[in-house]
């Protein structure tokens, strides 16, 4: 009889331990499972292409006529394309004249970073 009571007591104790440990075990299992699952991520855009700094860009020669556009002087080439100049005050003395401008072009904004401006002899 003592062994049966002892077995019942051990069984009840084991069940009690299991039942009190289940919430802690379940929460740690849930936490571990959640950390193991990969997060859903939005597609990443490919890295932007490396664009050389304007100083590293090659100088180009442009020819055209210096004209006033509002408060700034711009270069209009023979096909009618208008280019802004980073320091249009340098072009002021060439207004109405055909010139050769050497500089680096920012194609997106059609802005010439002027190195030199020279009048062309007609």
PDB file of N, CA and C in Angstrom:
ATOM      1  N   UNK A   1       0.820  -1.183   0.000  1.00  0.00           N
ATOM      2  CA  UNK A   1       0.000   0.000   0.000  1.00  0.00           C
ATOM      3  C   UNK A   1       0.868   1.252   0.000  1.00  0.00           C
ATOM      4  N   UNK A   2       1.977   1.184   0.749  1.00  0.00           N
ATOM      5  CA  UNK A   2       2.855   2.333   0.799  1.00  0.00           C
ATOM      6  C   UNK A   2       3.440   2.605  -0.573  1.00  0.00           C
ATOM      7  N   UNK A   3       3.778   1.590  -1.339  1.00  0.00           N
ATOM      8  CA  UNK A   3       4.382   1.788  -2.656  1.00  0.00           C
ATOM      9  C   UNK A   3       3.356   2.362  -3.634  1.00  0.00           C
ATOM     10  N   UNK A   4       2.108   1.983  -3.507  1.00  0.00           N
ATOM     11  CA  UNK A   4       1.064   2.524  -4.366  1.00  0.00           C
ATOM     12  C   UNK A   4       0.847   3.992  -4.042  1.00  0.00           C
ATOM     13  N   UNK A   5       0.812   4.335  -2.762  1.00  0.00           N
ATOM     14  CA  UNK A   5       0.647   5.722  -2.368  1.00  0.00           C
ATOM     15  C   UNK A   5       1.837   6.543  -2.846  1.00  0.00           C
ATOM     16  N   UNK A   6       3.025   5.958  -2.748  1.00  0.00           N
ATOM     17  CA  UNK A   6       4.234   6.637  -3.177  1.00  0.00           C
ATOM     18  C   UNK A   6       4.210   6.870  -4.693  1.00  0.00           C
ATOM     19  N   UNK A   7       3.753   5.879  -5.432  1.00  0.00           N
ATOM     20  CA  UNK A   7       3.653   6.010  -6.883  1.00  0.00           C
ATOM     21  C   UNK A   7       2.629   7.075  -7.269  1.00  0.00           C
ATOM     22  N   UNK A   8       1.506   7.093  -6.574  1.00  0.00           N
ATOM     23  CA  UNK A   8       0.477   8.103  -6.862  1.00  0.00           C
ATOM     24  C   UNK A   8       1.017   9.495  -6.527  1.00  0.00           C
ATOM     25  N   UNK A   9       1.694   9.608  -5.398  1.00  0.00           N
ATOM     26  CA  UNK A   9       2.253  10.888  -4.986  1.00  0.00           C
ATOM     27  C   UNK A   9       3.298  11.358  -6.001  1.00  0.00           C
ATOM     28  N   UNK A  10       4.136  10.460  -6.456  1.00  0.00           N
ATOM     29  CA  UNK A  10       5.144  10.819  -7.453  1.00  0.00           C
ATOM     30  C   UNK A  10       4.490  11.209  -8.788  1.00  0.00           C
ATOM     31  N   UNK A  11       3.457  10.505  -9.180  1.00  0.00           N
ATOM     32  CA  UNK A  11       2.751  10.801 -10.432  1.00  0.00           C
ATOM     33  C   UNK A  11       2.083  12.161 -10.366  1.00  0.00           C
ATOM     34  N   UNK A  12       1.407  12.435  -9.235  1.00  0.00           N
ATOM     35  CA  UNK A  12       0.743  13.719  -9.065  1.00  0.00           C
ATOM     36  C   UNK A  12       1.782  14.840  -9.046  1.00  0.00           C
ATOM     37  N   UNK A  13       2.895  14.618  -8.354  1.00  0.00           N
ATOM     38  CA  UNK A  13       3.954  15.633  -8.288  1.00  0.00           C
ATOM     39  C   UNK A  13       4.534  15.896  -9.676  1.00  0.00           C
ATOM     40  N   UNK A  14       4.756  14.837 -10.432  1.00  0.00           N
ATOM     41  CA  UNK A  14       5.296  14.975 -11.784  1.00  0.00           C
ATOM     42  C   UNK A  14       4.324  15.742 -12.671  1.00  0.00           C
ATOM     43  N   UNK A  15       3.040  15.413 -12.576  1.00  0.00           N
ATOM     44  CA  UNK A  15       2.026  16.128 -13.361  1.00  0.00           C
ATOM     45  C   UNK A  15       1.980  17.601 -12.970  1.00  0.00           C
ATOM     46  N   UNK A  16       2.065  17.873 -11.674  1.00  0.00           N
ATOM     47  CA  UNK A  16       2.021  19.254 -11.202  1.00  0.00           C
ATOM     48  C   UNK A  16       3.228  20.033 -11.739  1.00  0.00           C
ATOM     49  N   UNK A  17       4.384  19.405 -11.707  1.00  0.00           N
ATOM     50  CA  UNK A  17       5.578  20.067 -12.232  1.00  0.00           C
ATOM     51  C   UNK A  17       5.441  20.322 -13.733  1.00  0.00           C
ATOM     52  N   UNK A  18       4.924  19.335 -14.443  1.00  0.00           N
ATOM     53  CA  UNK A  18       4.739  19.498 -15.873  1.00  0.00           C
ATOM     54  C   UNK A  18       3.747  20.616 -16.180  1.00  0.00           C
ATOM     55  N   UNK A  19       2.631  20.636 -15.463  1.00  0.00           N
ATOM     56  CA  UNK A  19       1.616  21.643 -15.713  1.00  0.00           C
ATOM     57  C   UNK A  19       2.103  23.052 -15.385  1.00  0.00           C
ATOM     58  N   UNK A  20       2.919  23.205 -14.352  1.00  0.00           N
ATOM     59  CA  UNK A  20       3.424  24.534 -14.018  1.00  0.00           C
ATOM     60  C   UNK A  20       4.543  24.949 -14.980  1.00  0.00           C
ATOM     61  N   UNK A  21       5.225  23.994 -15.557  1.00  0.00           N
ATOM     62  CA  UNK A  21       6.311  24.309 -16.487  1.00  0.00           C
ATOM     63  C   UNK A  21       5.850  24.526 -17.913  1.00  0.00           C
ATOM     64  N   UNK A  22       4.635  24.094 -18.268  1.00  0.00           N
ATOM     65  CA  UNK A  22       4.154  24.198 -19.644  1.00  0.00           C
ATOM     66  C   UNK A  22       4.082  25.644 -20.124  1.00  0.00           C
ATOM     67  N   UNK A  23       3.523  26.598 -19.358  1.00  0.00           N
ATOM     68  CA  UNK A  23       3.479  27.979 -19.875  1.00  0.00           C
ATOM     69  C   UNK A  23       4.876  28.552 -20.147  1.00  0.00           C
ATOM     70  N   UNK A  24       5.818  28.277 -19.253  1.00  0.00           N
ATOM     71  CA  UNK A  24       7.172  28.778 -19.469  1.00  0.00           C
ATOM     72  C   UNK A  24       7.796  28.115 -20.681  1.00  0.00           C
ATOM     73  N   UNK A  25       7.591  26.827 -20.831  1.00  0.00           N
ATOM     74  CA  UNK A  25       8.130  26.107 -21.985  1.00  0.00           C
ATOM     75  C   UNK A  25       7.477  26.593 -23.275  1.00  0.00           C
ATOM     76  N   UNK A  26       6.177  26.829 -23.251  1.00  0.00           N
ATOM     77  CA  UNK A  26       5.461  27.273 -24.447  1.00  0.00           C
ATOM     78  C   UNK A  26       5.922  28.658 -24.871  1.00  0.00           C
ATOM     79  N   UNK A  27       6.113  29.555 -23.894  1.00  0.00           N
ATOM     80  CA  UNK A  27       6.541  30.900 -24.277  1.00  0.00           C
ATOM     81  C   UNK A  27       7.959  30.879 -24.824  1.00  0.00           C
ATOM     82  N   UNK A  28       8.846  30.057 -24.286  1.00  0.00           N
ATOM     83  CA  UNK A  28      10.205  30.003 -24.819  1.00  0.00           C
ATOM     84  C   UNK A  28      10.205  29.324 -26.180  1.00  0.00           C
ATOM     85  N   UNK A  29       9.343  28.348 -26.399  1.00  0.00           N
ATOM     86  CA  UNK A  29       9.260  27.695 -27.699  1.00  0.00           C
ATOM     87  C   UNK A  29       8.730  28.671 -28.739  1.00  0.00           C
ATOM     88  N   UNK A  30       7.750  29.478 -28.334  1.00  0.00           N
ATOM     89  CA  UNK A  30       7.195  30.459 -29.258  1.00  0.00           C
ATOM     90  C   UNK A  30       8.236  31.512 -29.603  1.00  0.00           C
ATOM     91  N   UNK A  31       8.970  31.977 -28.602  1.00  0.00           N
ATOM     92  CA  UNK A  31      10.006  32.981 -28.833  1.00  0.00           C
ATOM     93  C   UNK A  31      11.081  32.434 -29.747  1.00  0.00           C
ATOM     94  N   UNK A  32      11.534  31.214 -29.483  1.00  0.00           N
ATOM     95  CA  UNK A  32      12.571  30.623 -30.316  1.00  0.00           C
ATOM     96  C   UNK A  32      12.082  30.421 -31.740  1.00  0.00           C
ATOM     97  N   UNK A  33      10.844  29.970 -31.881  1.00  0.00           N
ATOM     98  CA  UNK A  33      10.304  29.749 -33.221  1.00  0.00           C
ATOM     99  C   UNK A  33      10.184  31.074 -33.960  1.00  0.00           C
ATOM    100  N   UNK A  34       9.783  32.128 -33.236  1.00  0.00           N
ATOM    101  CA  UNK A  34       9.611  33.418 -33.887  1.00  0.00           C
ATOM    102  C   UNK A  34      10.948  33.991 -34.331  1.00  0.00           C
ATOM    103  N   UNK A  35      11.978  33.773 -33.557  1.00  0.00           N
ATOM    104  CA  UNK A  35      13.264  34.316 -33.950  1.00  0.00           C
ATOM    105  C   UNK A  35      13.896  33.511 -35.068  1.00  0.00           C
ATOM    106  N   UNK A  36      13.530  32.265 -35.217  1.00  0.00           N
ATOM    107  CA  UNK A  36      14.108  31.449 -36.272  1.00  0.00           C
ATOM    108  C   UNK A  36      13.447  31.707 -37.619  1.00  0.00           C
ATOM    109  N   UNK A  37      12.213  32.197 -37.604  1.00  0.00           N
ATOM    110  CA  UNK A  37      11.519  32.417 -38.868  1.00  0.00           C
ATOM    111  C   UNK A  37      12.081  33.660 -39.553  1.00  0.00           C
ATOM    112  N   UNK A  38      12.371  33.580 -40.839  1.00  0.00           N
ATOM    113  CA  UNK A  38      12.898  34.769 -41.523  1.00  0.00           C
ATOM    114  C   UNK A  38      11.807  35.823 -41.666  1.00  0.00           C
ATOM    115  N   UNK A  39      12.211  37.045 -41.528  1.00  0.00           N
ATOM    116  CA  UNK A  39      11.267  38.151 -41.696  1.00  0.00           C
ATOM    117  C   UNK A  39      10.999  38.360 -43.174  1.00  0.00           C
ATOM    118  N   UNK A  40       9.782  38.725 -43.484  1.00  0.00           N
ATOM    119  CA  UNK A  40       9.442  39.018 -44.864  1.00  0.00           C
ATOM    120  C   UNK A  40       9.938  40.426 -45.154  1.00  0.00           C
ATOM    121  N   UNK A  41      10.763  40.560 -46.174  1.00  0.00           N
ATOM    122  CA  UNK A  41      11.325  41.856 -46.498  1.00  0.00           C
ATOM    123  C   UNK A  41      10.842  42.305 -47.868  1.00  0.00           C
ATOM    124  N   UNK A  42      10.742  43.612 -48.004  1.00  0.00           N
ATOM    125  CA  UNK A  42      10.389  44.186 -49.292  1.00  0.00           C
ATOM    126  C   UNK A  42      11.589  44.016 -50.223  1.00  0.00           C
ATOM    127  N   UNK A  43      11.344  43.887 -51.511  1.00  0.00           N
ATOM    128  CA  UNK A  43      12.468  43.784 -52.444  1.00  0.00           C
ATOM    129  C   UNK A  43      13.347  45.023 -52.360  1.00  0.00           C
ATOM    130  N   UNK A  44      14.632  44.802 -52.363  1.00  0.00           N
ATOM    131  CA  UNK A  44      15.585  45.898 -52.288  1.00  0.00           C
ATOM    132  C   UNK A  44      15.897  46.398 -53.692  1.00  0.00           C
ATOM    133  N   UNK A  45      16.037  47.695 -53.826  1.00  0.00           N
ATOM    134  CA  UNK A  45      16.444  48.262 -55.111  1.00  0.00           C
ATOM    135  C   UNK A  45      17.921  47.961 -55.320  1.00  0.00           C
ATOM    136  N   UNK A  46      18.328  47.729 -56.550  1.00  0.00           N
ATOM    137  CA  UNK A  46      19.749  47.476 -56.773  1.00  0.00           C
ATOM    138  C   UNK A  46      20.555  48.712 -56.407  1.00  0.00           C
ATOM    139  N   UNK A  47      21.800  48.536 -56.004  1.00  0.00           N
ATOM    140  CA  UNK A  47      22.601  49.691 -55.626  1.00  0.00           C
ATOM    141  C   UNK A  47      22.753  50.639 -56.818  1.00  0.00           C
ATOM    142  N   UNK A  48      22.762  51.914 -56.509  1.00  0.00           N
ATOM    143  CA  UNK A  48      22.888  52.917 -57.565  1.00  0.00           C
ATOM    144  C   UNK A  48      24.267  52.821 -58.203  1.00  0.00           C
ATOM    145  N   UNK A  49      24.322  53.120 -59.459  1.00  0.00           N
ATOM    146  CA  UNK A  49      25.596  53.105 -60.168  1.00  0.00           C
ATOM    147  C   UNK A  49      26.483  54.212 -59.609  1.00  0.00           C
ATOM    148  N   UNK A  50      27.757  53.957 -59.590  1.00  0.00           N
ATOM    149  CA  UNK A  50      28.703  54.951 -59.111  1.00  0.00           C
ATOM    150  C   UNK A  50      28.891  55.983 -60.212  1.00  0.00           C
ATOM    151  N   UNK A  51      28.588  57.230 -59.880  1.00  0.00           N
ATOM    152  CA  UNK A  51      28.708  58.320 -60.843  1.00  0.00           C
ATOM    153  C   UNK A  51      29.944  59.115 -60.483  1.00  0.00           C
ATOM    154  N   UNK A  52      30.827  59.341 -61.440  1.00  0.00           N
ATOM    155  CA  UNK A  52      32.033  60.098 -61.106  1.00  0.00           C
ATOM    156  C   UNK A  52      31.688  61.527 -60.709  1.00  0.00           C
ATOM    157  N   UNK A  53      32.464  62.068 -59.818  1.00  0.00           N
ATOM    158  CA  UNK A  53      32.270  63.447 -59.375  1.00  0.00           C
ATOM    159  C   UNK A  53      32.479  64.383 -60.556  1.00  0.00           C
ATOM    160  N   UNK A  54      31.801  65.552 -60.557  1.00  0.00           N
ATOM    161  CA  UNK A  54      31.952  66.476 -61.678  1.00  0.00           C
ATOM    162  C   UNK A  54      33.400  66.826 -61.977  1.00  0.00           C
ATOM    163  N   UNK A  55      34.240  66.904 -60.937  1.00  0.00           N
ATOM    164  CA  UNK A  55      35.637  67.240 -61.166  1.00  0.00           C
ATOM    165  C   UNK A  55      36.341  66.158 -61.967  1.00  0.00           C
ATOM    166  N   UNK A  56      35.869  64.901 -61.866  1.00  0.00           N
ATOM    167  CA  UNK A  56      36.500  63.798 -62.577  1.00  0.00           C
ATOM    168  C   UNK A  56      35.970  63.667 -63.997  1.00  0.00           C
ATOM    169  N   UNK A  57      34.875  64.390 -64.315  1.00  0.00           N
ATOM    170  CA  UNK A  57      34.293  64.307 -65.642  1.00  0.00           C
ATOM    171  C   UNK A  57      35.217  64.995 -66.647  1.00  0.00           C
ATOM    172  N   UNK A  58      35.141  64.542 -67.880  1.00  0.00           N
ATOM    173  CA  UNK A  58      35.991  65.077 -68.926  1.00  0.00           C
ATOM    174  C   UNK A  58      35.442  66.417 -69.426  1.00  0.00           C
ATOM    175  N   UNK A  59      36.330  67.372 -69.653  1.00  0.00           N
ATOM    176  CA  UNK A  59      35.919  68.655 -70.196  1.00  0.00           C
ATOM    177  C   UNK A  59      35.524  68.494 -71.653  1.00  0.00           C
ATOM    178  N   UNK A  60      34.523  69.267 -72.054  1.00  0.00           N
ATOM    179  CA  UNK A  60      34.007  69.241 -73.418  1.00  0.00           C
ATOM    180  C   UNK A  60      33.953  70.673 -73.919  1.00  0.00           C
ATOM    181  N   UNK A  61      34.023  70.831 -75.237  1.00  0.00           N
ATOM    182  CA  UNK A  61      33.941  72.162 -75.836  1.00  0.00           C
ATOM    183  C   UNK A  61      32.572  72.341 -76.462  1.00  0.00           C
ATOM    184  N   UNK A  62      31.953  73.488 -76.179  1.00  0.00           N
ATOM    185  CA  UNK A  62      30.639  73.840 -76.715  1.00  0.00           C
ATOM    186  C   UNK A  62      30.788  75.137 -77.487  1.00  0.00           C
ATOM    187  N   UNK A  63      30.095  75.254 -78.597  1.00  0.00           N
ATOM    188  CA  UNK A  63      30.087  76.517 -79.320  1.00  0.00           C
ATOM    189  C   UNK A  63      28.649  76.982 -79.469  1.00  0.00           C
ATOM    190  N   UNK A  64      28.474  78.281 -79.444  1.00  0.00           N
ATOM    191  CA  UNK A  64      27.144  78.846 -79.571  1.00  0.00           C
ATOM    192  C   UNK A  64      27.175  80.322 -79.287  1.00  0.00           C
ATOM    193  N   UNK A  65      26.013  80.892 -79.083  1.00  0.00           N
ATOM    194  CA  UNK A  65      25.871  82.319 -78.842  1.00  0.00           C
ATOM    195  C   UNK A  65      25.429  82.540 -77.401  1.00  0.00           C
ATOM    196  N   UNK A  66      26.049  83.519 -76.759  1.00  0.00           N
ATOM    197  CA  UNK A  66      25.656  83.874 -75.394  1.00  0.00           C
ATOM    198  C   UNK A  66      24.440  84.787 -75.488  1.00  0.00           C
ATOM    199  N   UNK A  67      23.361  84.390 -74.813  1.00  0.00           N
ATOM    200  CA  UNK A  67      22.135  85.193 -74.785  1.00  0.00           C
ATOM    201  C   UNK A  67      21.675  85.348 -73.340  1.00  0.00           C
ATOM    202  N   UNK A  68      20.915  86.416 -73.115  1.00  0.00           N
ATOM    203  CA  UNK A  68      20.405  86.655 -71.764  1.00  0.00           C
ATOM    204  C   UNK A  68      19.061  85.958 -71.622  1.00  0.00           C
ATOM    205  N   UNK A  69      18.897  85.213 -70.546  1.00  0.00           N
ATOM    206  CA  UNK A  69      17.646  84.505 -70.245  1.00  0.00           C
ATOM    207  C   UNK A  69      17.236  84.930 -68.840  1.00  0.00           C
ATOM    208  N   UNK A  70      16.353  85.918 -68.753  1.00  0.00           N
ATOM    209  CA  UNK A  70      15.986  86.448 -67.437  1.00  0.00           C
ATOM    210  C   UNK A  70      17.165  87.208 -66.869  1.00  0.00           C
ATOM    211  N   UNK A  71      17.633  86.791 -65.714  1.00  0.00           N
ATOM    212  CA  UNK A  71      18.777  87.430 -65.061  1.00  0.00           C
ATOM    213  C   UNK A  71      20.095  86.731 -65.373  1.00  0.00           C
ATOM    214  N   UNK A  72      20.041  85.613 -66.094  1.00  0.00           N
ATOM    215  CA  UNK A  72      21.253  84.836 -66.342  1.00  0.00           C
ATOM    216  C   UNK A  72      21.624  84.838 -67.819  1.00  0.00           C
ATOM    217  N   UNK A  73      22.902  84.600 -68.077  1.00  0.00           N
ATOM    218  CA  UNK A  73      23.395  84.450 -69.441  1.00  0.00           C
ATOM    219  C   UNK A  73      23.559  82.958 -69.695  1.00  0.00           C
ATOM    220  N   UNK A  74      23.091  82.521 -70.853  1.00  0.00           N
ATOM    221  CA  UNK A  74      23.130  81.110 -71.207  1.00  0.00           C
ATOM    222  C   UNK A  74      23.787  80.958 -72.576  1.00  0.00           C
ATOM    223  N   UNK A  75      24.112  79.734 -72.919  1.00  0.00           N
ATOM    224  CA  UNK A  75      24.703  79.430 -74.219  1.00  0.00           C
ATOM    225  C   UNK A  75      23.661  78.720 -75.067  1.00  0.00           C
ATOM    226  N   UNK A  76      23.382  79.286 -76.255  1.00  0.00           N
ATOM    227  CA  UNK A  76      22.450  78.648 -77.179  1.00  0.00           C
ATOM    228  C   UNK A  76      23.271  78.158 -78.366  1.00  0.00           C
ATOM    229  N   UNK A  77      23.233  76.823 -78.615  1.00  0.00           N
ATOM    230  CA  UNK A  77      24.021  76.291 -79.729  1.00  0.00           C
ATOM    231  C   UNK A  77      23.263  76.436 -81.048  1.00  0.00           C
ATOM    232  N   UNK A  78      23.887  76.017 -82.150  1.00  0.00           N
ATOM    233  CA  UNK A  78      23.317  76.198 -83.486  1.00  0.00           C
ATOM    234  C   UNK A  78      21.996  75.461 -83.666  1.00  0.00           C
ATOM    235  N   UNK A  79      21.770  74.364 -82.917  1.00  0.00           N
ATOM    236  CA  UNK A  79      20.516  73.615 -83.051  1.00  0.00           C
ATOM    237  C   UNK A  79      19.415  74.167 -82.142  1.00  0.00           C
ATOM    238  N   UNK A  80      19.740  75.198 -81.344  1.00  0.00           N
ATOM    239  CA  UNK A  80      18.732  75.823 -80.489  1.00  0.00           C
ATOM    240  C   UNK A  80      18.717  75.308 -79.056  1.00  0.00           C
ATOM    241  N   UNK A  81      19.575  74.337 -78.741  1.00  0.00           N
ATOM    242  CA  UNK A  81      19.644  73.814 -77.368  1.00  0.00           C
ATOM    243  C   UNK A  81      20.282  74.874 -76.475  1.00  0.00           C
ATOM    244  N   UNK A  82      19.682  75.097 -75.322  1.00  0.00           N
ATOM    245  CA  UNK A  82      20.153  76.113 -74.390  1.00  0.00           C
ATOM    246  C   UNK A  82      20.822  75.427 -73.196  1.00  0.00           C
ATOM    247  N   UNK A  83      22.018  75.899 -72.860  1.00  0.00           N
ATOM    248  CA  UNK A  83      22.776  75.378 -71.725  1.00  0.00           C
ATOM    249  C   UNK A  83      22.954  76.496 -70.706  1.00  0.00           C
ATOM    250  N   UNK A  84      22.687  76.208 -69.441  1.00  0.00           N
ATOM    251  CA  UNK A  84      22.972  77.153 -68.367  1.00  0.00           C
ATOM    252  C   UNK A  84      24.468  77.068 -68.080  1.00  0.00           C
ATOM    253  N   UNK A  85      24.999  78.097 -67.464  1.00  0.00           N
ATOM    254  CA  UNK A  85      26.405  78.095 -67.065  1.00  0.00           C
ATOM    255  C   UNK A  85      26.487  78.337 -65.571  1.00  0.00           C
ATOM    256  N   UNK A  86      27.399  77.640 -64.895  1.00  0.00           N
ATOM    257  CA  UNK A  86      27.463  77.727 -63.436  1.00  0.00           C
ATOM    258  C   UNK A  86      27.816  79.132 -62.954  1.00  0.00           C
ATOM    259  N   UNK A  87      28.575  79.902 -63.742  1.00  0.00           N
ATOM    260  CA  UNK A  87      28.891  81.291 -63.374  1.00  0.00           C
ATOM    261  C   UNK A  87      28.563  82.147 -64.591  1.00  0.00           C
ATOM    262  N   UNK A  88      27.281  82.471 -64.732  1.00  0.00           N
ATOM    263  CA  UNK A  88      26.854  83.184 -65.945  1.00  0.00           C
ATOM    264  C   UNK A  88      27.398  84.603 -66.007  1.00  0.00           C
ATOM    265  N   UNK A  89      27.857  85.150 -64.887  1.00  0.00           N
ATOM    266  CA  UNK A  89      28.397  86.514 -64.918  1.00  0.00           C
ATOM    267  C   UNK A  89      29.681  86.557 -65.750  1.00  0.00           C
ATOM    268  N   UNK A  90      30.396  85.447 -65.859  1.00  0.00           N
ATOM    269  CA  UNK A  90      31.594  85.389 -66.707  1.00  0.00           C
ATOM    270  C   UNK A  90      31.228  85.549 -68.177  1.00  0.00           C
ATOM    271  N   UNK A  91      30.001  85.157 -68.537  1.00  0.00           N
ATOM    272  CA  UNK A  91      29.563  85.216 -69.933  1.00  0.00           C
ATOM    273  C   UNK A  91      28.966  86.568 -70.304  1.00  0.00           C
ATOM    274  N   UNK A  92      28.740  87.434 -69.340  1.00  0.00           N
ATOM    275  CA  UNK A  92      28.066  88.709 -69.590  1.00  0.00           C
ATOM    276  C   UNK A  92      28.773  89.530 -70.670  1.00  0.00           C
ATOM    277  N   UNK A  93      30.070  89.586 -70.644  1.00  0.00           N
ATOM    278  CA  UNK A  93      30.810  90.407 -71.615  1.00  0.00           C
ATOM    279  C   UNK A  93      30.760  89.837 -73.030  1.00  0.00           C
ATOM    280  N   UNK A  94      30.251  88.609 -73.176  1.00  0.00           N
ATOM    281  CA  UNK A  94      30.156  87.965 -74.488  1.00  0.00           C
ATOM    282  C   UNK A  94      28.724  87.963 -75.037  1.00  0.00           C
ATOM    283  N   UNK A  95      27.817  88.714 -74.417  1.00  0.00           N
ATOM    284  CA  UNK A  95      26.413  88.692 -74.837  1.00  0.00           C
ATOM    285  C   UNK A  95      26.288  89.018 -76.335  1.00  0.00           C
ATOM    286  N   UNK A  96      25.549  88.141 -77.048  1.00  0.00           N
ATOM    287  CA  UNK A  96      25.310  88.314 -78.473  1.00  0.00           C
ATOM    288  C   UNK A  96      26.442  87.821 -79.360  1.00  0.00           C
ATOM    289  N   UNK A  97      27.531  87.362 -78.775  1.00  0.00           N
ATOM    290  CA  UNK A  97      28.696  86.908 -79.550  1.00  0.00           C
ATOM    291  C   UNK A  97      28.732  85.383 -79.609  1.00  0.00           C
ATOM    292  N   UNK A  98      29.382  84.909 -80.679  1.00  0.00           N
ATOM    293  CA  UNK A  98      29.609  83.474 -80.803  1.00  0.00           C
ATOM    294  C   UNK A  98      30.860  83.138 -80.006  1.00  0.00           C
ATOM    295  N   UNK A  99      30.738  82.110 -79.136  1.00  0.00           N
ATOM    296  CA  UNK A  99      31.839  81.765 -78.239  1.00  0.00           C
ATOM    297  C   UNK A  99      32.122  80.276 -78.252  1.00  0.00           C
ATOM    298  N   UNK A 100      33.284  79.962 -77.700  1.00  0.00           N
ATOM    299  CA  UNK A 100      33.649  78.565 -77.434  1.00  0.00           C
ATOM    300  C   UNK A 100      33.764  78.450 -75.917  1.00  0.00           C
ATOM    301  N   UNK A 101      32.942  77.556 -75.333  1.00  0.00           N
ATOM    302  CA  UNK A 101      32.955  77.344 -73.887  1.00  0.00           C
ATOM    303  C   UNK A 101      33.536  75.960 -73.632  1.00  0.00           C
ATOM    304  N   UNK A 102      34.526  75.902 -72.765  1.00  0.00           N
ATOM    305  CA  UNK A 102      35.100  74.619 -72.362  1.00  0.00           C
ATOM    306  C   UNK A 102      34.698  74.366 -70.918  1.00  0.00           C
ATOM    307  N   UNK A 103      34.189  73.161 -70.665  1.00  0.00           N
ATOM    308  CA  UNK A 103      33.769  72.824 -69.311  1.00  0.00           C
ATOM    309  C   UNK A 103      33.170  71.437 -69.243  1.00  0.00           C
ATOM    310  N   UNK A 104      32.634  71.113 -68.095  1.00  0.00           N
ATOM    311  CA  UNK A 104      32.030  69.793 -67.849  1.00  0.00           C
ATOM    312  C   UNK A 104      30.517  69.954 -67.809  1.00  0.00           C
ATOM    313  N   UNK A 105      29.821  69.114 -68.553  1.00  0.00           N
ATOM    314  CA  UNK A 105      28.367  69.204 -68.668  1.00  0.00           C
ATOM    315  C   UNK A 105      27.682  68.278 -67.679  1.00  0.00           C
ATOM    316  N   UNK A 106      26.727  68.829 -66.942  1.00  0.00           N
ATOM    317  CA  UNK A 106      25.806  68.014 -66.149  1.00  0.00           C
ATOM    318  C   UNK A 106      24.604  67.797 -67.058  1.00  0.00           C
ATOM    319  N   UNK A 107      24.531  66.611 -67.678  1.00  0.00           N
ATOM    320  CA  UNK A 107      23.525  66.334 -68.701  1.00  0.00           C
ATOM    321  C   UNK A 107      22.102  66.397 -68.160  1.00  0.00           C
ATOM    322  N   UNK A 108      21.901  66.057 -66.889  1.00  0.00           N
ATOM    323  CA  UNK A 108      20.550  66.070 -66.309  1.00  0.00           C
ATOM    324  C   UNK A 108      19.969  67.478 -66.253  1.00  0.00           C
ATOM    325  N   UNK A 109      20.787  68.444 -65.910  1.00  0.00           N
ATOM    326  CA  UNK A 109      20.299  69.818 -65.750  1.00  0.00           C
ATOM    327  C   UNK A 109      20.724  70.737 -66.891  1.00  0.00           C
ATOM    328  N   UNK A 110      21.506  70.194 -67.836  1.00  0.00           N
ATOM    329  CA  UNK A 110      22.061  70.986 -68.953  1.00  0.00           C
ATOM    330  C   UNK A 110      22.812  72.196 -68.420  1.00  0.00           C
ATOM    331  N   UNK A 111      23.640  71.935 -67.406  1.00  0.00           N
ATOM    332  CA  UNK A 111      24.446  72.977 -66.774  1.00  0.00           C
ATOM    333  C   UNK A 111      25.906  72.717 -67.102  1.00  0.00           C
ATOM    334  N   UNK A 112      26.575  73.729 -67.645  1.00  0.00           N
ATOM    335  CA  UNK A 112      28.000  73.614 -67.952  1.00  0.00           C
ATOM    336  C   UNK A 112      28.774  74.212 -66.783  1.00  0.00           C
ATOM    337  N   UNK A 113      29.696  73.429 -66.231  1.00  0.00           N
ATOM    338  CA  UNK A 113      30.629  73.934 -65.223  1.00  0.00           C
ATOM    339  C   UNK A 113      31.802  74.510 -66.017  1.00  0.00           C
ATOM    340  N   UNK A 114      31.807  75.812 -66.189  1.00  0.00           N
ATOM    341  CA  UNK A 114      32.688  76.500 -67.128  1.00  0.00           C
ATOM    342  C   UNK A 114      34.129  76.516 -66.645  1.00  0.00           C
ATOM    343  N   UNK A 115      35.040  76.112 -67.559  1.00  0.00           N
ATOM    344  CA  UNK A 115      36.473  76.281 -67.332  1.00  0.00           C
ATOM    345  C   UNK A 115      36.931  77.566 -68.025  1.00  0.00           C
ATOM    346  N   UNK A 116      36.586  77.698 -69.326  1.00  0.00           N
ATOM    347  CA  UNK A 116      36.977  78.883 -70.090  1.00  0.00           C
ATOM    348  C   UNK A 116      35.863  79.294 -71.052  1.00  0.00           C
ATOM    349  N   UNK A 117      35.852  80.594 -71.371  1.00  0.00           N
ATOM    350  CA  UNK A 117      34.967  81.136 -72.410  1.00  0.00           C
ATOM    351  C   UNK A 117      35.852  82.000 -73.317  1.00  0.00           C
ATOM    352  N   UNK A 118      35.758  81.740 -74.618  1.00  0.00           N
ATOM    353  CA  UNK A 118      36.527  82.522 -75.590  1.00  0.00           C
ATOM    354  C   UNK A 118      35.618  82.968 -76.725  1.00  0.00           C
ATOM    355  N   UNK A 119      35.803  84.179 -77.180  1.00  0.00           N
ATOM    356  CA  UNK A 119      35.041  84.664 -78.331  1.00  0.00           C
ATOM    357  C   UNK A 119      35.628  84.032 -79.588  1.00  0.00           C
ATOM    358  N   UNK A 120      34.740  83.627 -80.495  1.00  0.00           N
ATOM    359  CA  UNK A 120      35.179  83.109 -81.791  1.00  0.00           C
ATOM    360  C   UNK A 120      35.156  84.255 -82.793  1.00  0.00           C
ATOM    361  N   UNK A 121      36.198  84.338 -83.592  1.00  0.00           N
ATOM    362  CA  UNK A 121      36.267  85.386 -84.597  1.00  0.00           C
ATOM    363  C   UNK A 121      35.398  84.966 -85.776  1.00  0.00           C
ATOM    364  N   UNK A 122      34.495  85.870 -86.225  1.00  0.00           N
ATOM    365  CA  UNK A 122      33.592  85.487 -87.323  1.00  0.00           C
ATOM    366  C   UNK A 122      34.287  85.309 -88.648  1.00  0.00           C
TER     367      UNK A 122
END
